[in-house]
Amino acid sequence: MTQPSPPSGNDLKKHKNLVIVSLAIIVAILILVSPIVPIQYTVTKTRTRNLRYSSGVYGIYNIPKIVNVTNQDSIGGSFSVTMNEWLNNPAYPLSGPERTLESTSSQSLYINAGATRTFNLPDDWIILSPIYSFTYSVSAPSKQETYNVTETEYKSILNLIVESLRKQ
């Protein structure tokens, strides 16, 4: 029986060259198809938000009479104020609810940018603490804003070549 002869130096060189060429082809293909090139572009988006405002209650001798609303935004709009008059239960928690809603009043006024408008409590409301209490809420108008966002997308070299060929 004859034993196979060990590989000669030429055979090893051929295999080594084949491996190197194969690895180079694989690396080249990976570079072509991998998303490695950053492409930046700007996208315009839209969002809705309420106008910015501040508010406060003012009165005489701690009896609320008015609600002031200041539009702190750059555009004007119609603001609404809802006011609630509450009858407080002095026997709470022994009997009944903590308080009962007696009356509600809503008003709307247009307020220019940077301006302050006054919302008056109804004339028949006399908010004497601790018998009565008062709460209010402000509803501001909304506006749509557009803004730009820079986004980055990574593309492969092959993708860029195909896109440039399509444009021609």
Foldseek 3Di string as FASTA:
>chain_A
DDDDDDDDPVVVVVVVVVVVVVVVVVVVVCQQFPQDAKDKDKDKDKDKDFFDKDKDFDDPPPWTWKMKIFGQGQFKDKKKKKKWKWFADPCPPVDDDRIDTDDIDMDIDIAGHGGMDIDTDDPPDTADPPGMDMDMDMDGDMDMDMDMDMDMDGGGNNVVVVVVVVVD
